[in-house]
N, C-alpha and C. Protein backbone atom coordinates (compact mmCIF):
# COMPACT_ATOMS: atom_id res chain seq x y z
N MET A 1 61.15 59.30 70.76
CA MET A 1 62.60 59.27 70.87
C MET A 1 63.06 60.45 71.74
N ASN A 2 64.00 60.19 72.63
CA ASN A 2 64.52 61.24 73.49
C ASN A 2 65.44 62.18 72.71
N ALA A 3 65.46 63.43 73.13
CA ALA A 3 66.34 64.41 72.49
C ALA A 3 67.79 64.05 72.77
N LEU A 4 68.65 64.40 71.83
CA LEU A 4 70.08 64.24 72.05
C LEU A 4 70.51 65.10 73.23
N GLN A 5 71.50 64.63 73.96
CA GLN A 5 72.05 65.35 75.10
C GLN A 5 73.43 65.87 74.71
N ALA A 6 73.59 67.19 74.78
CA ALA A 6 74.87 67.80 74.42
C ALA A 6 75.47 68.47 75.64
N LEU A 7 76.78 68.58 75.62
CA LEU A 7 77.52 69.27 76.67
C LEU A 7 78.45 70.27 76.01
N VAL A 8 78.27 71.56 76.35
CA VAL A 8 79.15 72.62 75.83
C VAL A 8 80.15 72.94 76.92
N VAL A 9 81.44 72.83 76.59
CA VAL A 9 82.50 72.99 77.59
C VAL A 9 83.45 74.10 77.14
N THR A 10 83.34 75.24 77.80
CA THR A 10 84.26 76.35 77.56
C THR A 10 84.18 77.31 78.74
N SER A 11 85.31 77.92 79.04
CA SER A 11 85.33 78.87 80.16
C SER A 11 84.76 80.23 79.77
N ASP A 12 84.52 80.45 78.49
CA ASP A 12 83.96 81.71 78.00
C ASP A 12 82.44 81.67 78.11
N ILE A 13 81.90 82.42 79.06
CA ILE A 13 80.46 82.38 79.35
C ILE A 13 79.62 82.74 78.13
N SER A 14 80.01 83.78 77.41
CA SER A 14 79.19 84.21 76.27
C SER A 14 79.24 83.18 75.14
N ARG A 15 80.38 82.55 74.91
CA ARG A 15 80.48 81.51 73.87
C ARG A 15 79.67 80.28 74.27
N ARG A 16 79.72 79.95 75.56
CA ARG A 16 78.95 78.82 76.06
C ARG A 16 77.46 79.04 75.81
N ALA A 17 76.98 80.24 76.12
CA ALA A 17 75.57 80.57 75.90
C ALA A 17 75.23 80.55 74.41
N PHE A 18 76.13 81.05 73.58
CA PHE A 18 75.89 81.06 72.14
C PHE A 18 75.76 79.65 71.60
N PHE A 19 76.72 78.78 71.92
CA PHE A 19 76.67 77.40 71.42
C PHE A 19 75.46 76.65 71.97
N ARG A 20 75.12 76.87 73.25
CA ARG A 20 73.94 76.25 73.85
C ARG A 20 72.68 76.65 73.09
N THR A 21 72.52 77.94 72.83
CA THR A 21 71.34 78.45 72.13
C THR A 21 71.24 77.86 70.72
N ALA A 22 72.37 77.77 70.01
CA ALA A 22 72.36 77.20 68.66
C ALA A 22 71.95 75.74 68.69
N LEU A 23 72.44 74.99 69.66
CA LEU A 23 72.09 73.58 69.76
C LEU A 23 70.63 73.38 70.17
N GLU A 24 70.17 74.17 71.13
CA GLU A 24 68.79 74.06 71.58
C GLU A 24 67.81 74.40 70.46
N ALA A 25 68.19 75.31 69.56
CA ALA A 25 67.33 75.66 68.43
C ALA A 25 67.13 74.47 67.49
N CYS A 26 68.04 73.50 67.57
CA CYS A 26 67.95 72.28 66.75
C CYS A 26 67.25 71.15 67.49
N GLY A 27 66.73 71.44 68.69
CA GLY A 27 66.05 70.42 69.46
C GLY A 27 66.96 69.53 70.29
N ILE A 28 68.19 69.97 70.51
CA ILE A 28 69.16 69.22 71.30
C ILE A 28 69.15 69.76 72.73
N ASP A 29 68.98 68.87 73.71
CA ASP A 29 69.08 69.29 75.12
C ASP A 29 70.53 69.59 75.42
N CYS A 30 70.75 70.71 76.08
CA CYS A 30 72.12 71.18 76.24
C CYS A 30 72.45 71.46 77.70
N HIS A 31 73.64 71.05 78.09
CA HIS A 31 74.17 71.30 79.42
C HIS A 31 75.48 72.05 79.25
N GLU A 32 75.88 72.78 80.27
CA GLU A 32 77.09 73.62 80.17
C GLU A 32 78.09 73.27 81.25
N ALA A 33 79.37 73.36 80.90
CA ALA A 33 80.45 73.17 81.86
C ALA A 33 81.51 74.23 81.62
N HIS A 34 82.08 74.73 82.70
CA HIS A 34 83.11 75.77 82.66
C HIS A 34 84.45 75.22 82.17
N ASP A 35 84.73 73.96 82.47
CA ASP A 35 86.00 73.34 82.08
C ASP A 35 85.84 71.82 82.11
N GLY A 36 86.93 71.12 81.85
CA GLY A 36 86.88 69.67 81.78
C GLY A 36 86.47 69.00 83.08
N ILE A 37 86.87 69.56 84.21
CA ILE A 37 86.49 68.99 85.51
C ILE A 37 84.97 69.04 85.68
N ASP A 38 84.38 70.21 85.40
CA ASP A 38 82.92 70.33 85.48
C ASP A 38 82.24 69.39 84.48
N ALA A 39 82.83 69.23 83.30
CA ALA A 39 82.27 68.34 82.28
C ALA A 39 82.22 66.90 82.79
N LEU A 40 83.27 66.47 83.45
CA LEU A 40 83.30 65.11 83.98
C LEU A 40 82.23 64.89 85.04
N LYS A 41 81.99 65.91 85.86
CA LYS A 41 80.94 65.82 86.87
C LYS A 41 79.57 65.68 86.21
N LEU A 42 79.32 66.46 85.16
CA LEU A 42 78.03 66.40 84.46
C LEU A 42 77.86 65.10 83.68
N ALA A 43 78.97 64.56 83.20
CA ALA A 43 78.90 63.34 82.41
C ALA A 43 78.27 62.19 83.18
N SER A 44 78.47 62.19 84.49
CA SER A 44 77.90 61.10 85.29
C SER A 44 76.40 61.28 85.50
N ASP A 45 75.89 62.49 85.28
CA ASP A 45 74.47 62.77 85.49
C ASP A 45 73.61 62.59 84.24
N TYR A 46 74.22 62.71 83.07
CA TYR A 46 73.46 62.69 81.81
C TYR A 46 74.12 61.73 80.83
N GLY A 47 73.33 61.13 79.97
CA GLY A 47 73.86 60.33 78.88
C GLY A 47 74.24 61.26 77.75
N ILE A 48 75.46 61.74 77.75
CA ILE A 48 75.90 62.76 76.78
C ILE A 48 76.17 62.11 75.43
N ASP A 49 75.53 62.65 74.38
CA ASP A 49 75.70 62.17 73.01
C ASP A 49 76.68 63.01 72.22
N LEU A 50 76.82 64.28 72.60
CA LEU A 50 77.62 65.24 71.83
C LEU A 50 78.33 66.17 72.80
N VAL A 51 79.63 66.36 72.59
CA VAL A 51 80.42 67.30 73.38
C VAL A 51 81.00 68.34 72.44
N VAL A 52 80.74 69.61 72.72
CA VAL A 52 81.35 70.73 72.00
C VAL A 52 82.29 71.37 73.00
N THR A 53 83.60 71.25 72.77
CA THR A 53 84.56 71.67 73.77
C THR A 53 85.64 72.59 73.23
N ALA A 54 85.98 73.59 74.02
CA ALA A 54 87.14 74.42 73.73
C ALA A 54 88.39 73.61 74.06
N LEU A 55 89.51 74.02 73.51
CA LEU A 55 90.77 73.33 73.83
C LEU A 55 91.46 73.95 75.04
N THR A 56 91.39 75.27 75.14
CA THR A 56 92.08 75.97 76.22
C THR A 56 91.09 76.34 77.30
N MET A 57 91.29 75.73 78.48
CA MET A 57 90.42 75.99 79.63
C MET A 57 91.24 75.80 80.90
N PRO A 58 90.76 76.38 82.01
CA PRO A 58 91.46 76.15 83.27
C PRO A 58 91.25 74.71 83.74
N ARG A 59 92.05 74.31 84.67
CA ARG A 59 92.01 72.97 85.28
C ARG A 59 92.22 71.89 84.23
N LEU A 60 91.18 71.27 83.72
CA LEU A 60 91.30 70.19 82.74
C LEU A 60 90.95 70.75 81.37
N ASP A 61 91.91 70.77 80.44
CA ASP A 61 91.66 71.39 79.14
C ASP A 61 90.99 70.42 78.17
N GLY A 62 90.69 70.94 76.99
CA GLY A 62 89.96 70.16 76.00
C GLY A 62 90.70 68.94 75.49
N LEU A 63 92.02 69.04 75.34
CA LEU A 63 92.79 67.87 74.88
C LEU A 63 92.79 66.76 75.92
N GLU A 64 92.89 67.14 77.18
CA GLU A 64 92.81 66.14 78.25
C GLU A 64 91.41 65.52 78.29
N LEU A 65 90.40 66.34 78.08
CA LEU A 65 89.03 65.84 78.04
C LEU A 65 88.84 64.86 76.88
N LEU A 66 89.43 65.17 75.72
CA LEU A 66 89.37 64.26 74.57
C LEU A 66 90.01 62.92 74.92
N GLU A 67 91.16 62.96 75.57
CA GLU A 67 91.85 61.73 75.96
C GLU A 67 90.99 60.89 76.92
N LEU A 68 90.41 61.54 77.90
CA LEU A 68 89.57 60.82 78.86
C LEU A 68 88.31 60.26 78.18
N THR A 69 87.77 60.99 77.23
CA THR A 69 86.60 60.52 76.48
C THR A 69 86.97 59.26 75.70
N ARG A 70 88.13 59.28 75.09
CA ARG A 70 88.60 58.11 74.33
C ARG A 70 88.73 56.90 75.26
N ARG A 71 89.08 57.14 76.50
CA ARG A 71 89.23 56.05 77.48
C ARG A 71 87.91 55.61 78.09
N GLY A 72 86.80 56.26 77.70
CA GLY A 72 85.48 55.82 78.14
C GLY A 72 84.95 56.46 79.40
N VAL A 73 85.49 57.62 79.78
CA VAL A 73 85.08 58.26 81.03
C VAL A 73 83.60 58.64 81.04
N PHE A 74 83.01 58.89 79.87
CA PHE A 74 81.60 59.25 79.81
C PHE A 74 80.70 58.03 79.99
N GLY A 75 81.27 56.84 79.89
CA GLY A 75 80.50 55.62 80.10
C GLY A 75 79.57 55.26 78.95
N ASN A 76 79.62 56.02 77.88
CA ASN A 76 78.74 55.76 76.73
C ASN A 76 79.34 54.68 75.85
N ASN A 77 78.48 53.93 75.23
CA ASN A 77 78.90 53.02 74.18
C ASN A 77 77.89 53.13 73.06
N PRO A 78 78.19 53.80 71.98
CA PRO A 78 79.48 54.39 71.63
C PRO A 78 79.74 55.68 72.40
N PRO A 79 81.02 56.11 72.41
CA PRO A 79 81.34 57.37 73.10
C PRO A 79 80.68 58.56 72.41
N PRO A 80 80.57 59.68 73.12
CA PRO A 80 79.92 60.84 72.51
C PRO A 80 80.72 61.38 71.32
N ILE A 81 80.02 62.03 70.42
CA ILE A 81 80.65 62.73 69.31
C ILE A 81 81.30 63.99 69.88
N ILE A 82 82.51 64.28 69.44
CA ILE A 82 83.26 65.42 69.95
C ILE A 82 83.46 66.45 68.84
N ILE A 83 83.11 67.70 69.13
CA ILE A 83 83.40 68.81 68.22
C ILE A 83 84.28 69.79 69.00
N CYS A 84 85.40 70.15 68.41
CA CYS A 84 86.35 71.05 69.07
C CYS A 84 86.11 72.49 68.65
N ILE A 85 86.19 73.38 69.62
CA ILE A 85 86.18 74.82 69.36
C ILE A 85 87.65 75.22 69.33
N SER A 86 88.13 75.61 68.16
CA SER A 86 89.56 75.82 67.98
C SER A 86 89.83 77.11 67.23
N SER A 87 90.68 77.96 67.80
CA SER A 87 91.10 79.18 67.12
C SER A 87 92.13 78.82 66.05
N PRO A 88 92.37 79.71 65.08
CA PRO A 88 93.38 79.42 64.07
C PRO A 88 94.76 79.10 64.67
N ALA A 89 95.09 79.72 65.78
CA ALA A 89 96.38 79.46 66.43
C ALA A 89 96.46 78.04 66.99
N GLU A 90 95.31 77.42 67.25
CA GLU A 90 95.28 76.07 67.82
C GLU A 90 95.12 74.97 66.78
N HIS A 91 94.97 75.33 65.50
CA HIS A 91 94.70 74.32 64.47
C HIS A 91 95.80 73.27 64.39
N ASP A 92 97.06 73.66 64.54
CA ASP A 92 98.15 72.68 64.49
C ASP A 92 98.02 71.67 65.62
N VAL A 93 97.63 72.14 66.79
CA VAL A 93 97.44 71.24 67.94
C VAL A 93 96.31 70.26 67.65
N VAL A 94 95.21 70.77 67.12
CA VAL A 94 94.08 69.90 66.80
C VAL A 94 94.50 68.86 65.76
N GLN A 95 95.22 69.30 64.75
CA GLN A 95 95.66 68.39 63.69
C GLN A 95 96.56 67.29 64.22
N HIS A 96 97.48 67.62 65.12
CA HIS A 96 98.47 66.66 65.58
C HIS A 96 98.02 65.83 66.77
N ARG A 97 97.30 66.42 67.69
CA ARG A 97 96.98 65.71 68.93
C ARG A 97 95.53 65.28 69.05
N GLY A 98 94.60 66.08 68.55
CA GLY A 98 93.22 65.78 68.88
C GLY A 98 92.31 65.48 67.72
N MET A 99 92.74 65.71 66.50
CA MET A 99 91.81 65.61 65.37
C MET A 99 91.22 64.22 65.21
N ARG A 100 91.99 63.19 65.53
CA ARG A 100 91.46 61.83 65.36
C ARG A 100 90.24 61.60 66.25
N ASP A 101 90.14 62.40 67.32
CA ASP A 101 89.01 62.25 68.24
C ASP A 101 87.91 63.26 67.99
N CYS A 102 88.13 64.23 67.12
CA CYS A 102 87.14 65.26 66.83
C CYS A 102 86.37 64.90 65.57
N SER A 103 85.06 65.02 65.65
CA SER A 103 84.23 64.80 64.47
C SER A 103 84.01 66.09 63.69
N GLY A 104 84.43 67.20 64.28
CA GLY A 104 84.30 68.49 63.64
C GLY A 104 85.06 69.55 64.41
N VAL A 105 85.34 70.65 63.74
CA VAL A 105 86.05 71.76 64.37
C VAL A 105 85.28 73.04 64.06
N LEU A 106 85.06 73.84 65.11
CA LEU A 106 84.38 75.12 64.99
C LEU A 106 85.31 76.24 65.44
N SER A 107 85.24 77.35 64.77
CA SER A 107 85.93 78.55 65.20
C SER A 107 85.18 79.14 66.40
N PRO A 108 85.89 79.78 67.33
CA PRO A 108 85.19 80.45 68.44
C PRO A 108 84.21 81.51 67.94
N SER A 109 84.44 82.02 66.73
CA SER A 109 83.57 83.05 66.17
C SER A 109 82.57 82.47 65.15
N ALA A 110 82.34 81.18 65.21
CA ALA A 110 81.42 80.53 64.27
C ALA A 110 80.04 81.17 64.35
N THR A 111 79.37 81.19 63.21
CA THR A 111 77.98 81.66 63.18
C THR A 111 77.05 80.52 63.59
N ARG A 112 75.83 80.87 63.88
CA ARG A 112 74.83 79.86 64.24
C ARG A 112 74.67 78.84 63.11
N GLU A 113 74.67 79.31 61.88
CA GLU A 113 74.53 78.42 60.73
C GLU A 113 75.71 77.46 60.64
N GLN A 114 76.92 77.95 60.92
CA GLN A 114 78.10 77.09 60.88
C GLN A 114 78.04 76.03 61.99
N VAL A 115 77.57 76.42 63.15
CA VAL A 115 77.43 75.47 64.26
C VAL A 115 76.47 74.36 63.83
N ILE A 116 75.33 74.72 63.31
CA ILE A 116 74.33 73.73 62.90
C ILE A 116 74.90 72.82 61.81
N GLU A 117 75.58 73.40 60.84
CA GLU A 117 76.16 72.61 59.75
C GLU A 117 77.18 71.60 60.27
N VAL A 118 78.09 72.04 61.12
CA VAL A 118 79.14 71.14 61.64
C VAL A 118 78.54 70.07 62.54
N VAL A 119 77.59 70.44 63.38
CA VAL A 119 76.97 69.48 64.29
C VAL A 119 76.22 68.40 63.51
N PHE A 120 75.41 68.78 62.53
CA PHE A 120 74.66 67.77 61.80
C PHE A 120 75.55 66.93 60.90
N ALA A 121 76.63 67.50 60.38
CA ALA A 121 77.59 66.70 59.61
C ALA A 121 78.24 65.65 60.53
N ALA A 122 78.59 66.05 61.75
CA ALA A 122 79.18 65.12 62.71
C ALA A 122 78.18 64.04 63.10
N LEU A 123 76.95 64.43 63.34
CA LEU A 123 75.93 63.45 63.71
C LEU A 123 75.63 62.47 62.58
N ASP A 124 75.76 62.95 61.36
CA ASP A 124 75.54 62.08 60.17
C ASP A 124 76.78 61.26 59.84
N GLY A 125 77.89 61.50 60.55
CA GLY A 125 79.11 60.75 60.30
C GLY A 125 79.90 61.22 59.10
N GLU A 126 79.69 62.44 58.69
CA GLU A 126 80.41 62.97 57.50
C GLU A 126 81.76 63.50 57.88
């Protein structure tokens, strides 16, 4: 069986590296994008199963990326699982605009254990 393909999308380089490392430790192949535009470019190259995305990014933000994912831009059937990286200040936005499309929410300061827990809960459909 092929490894799951994940895409970490955030403009914060250190957070991107942290989330990538946590996912790779679980045997998930991981790709990185600086923002939603870069994510869309990578989506055409890989069969993405999981997207971990920040909400606030330059150019195309996480909410716009969620909308495009819902419309099938990744070309997957089923579409990839989406986990949002959301600060406490953004929780209202996630609740009102994006939560229906998110299978999980992570704090930008999440620990490796929290990342693993949220990712596997999302993959299990919990």
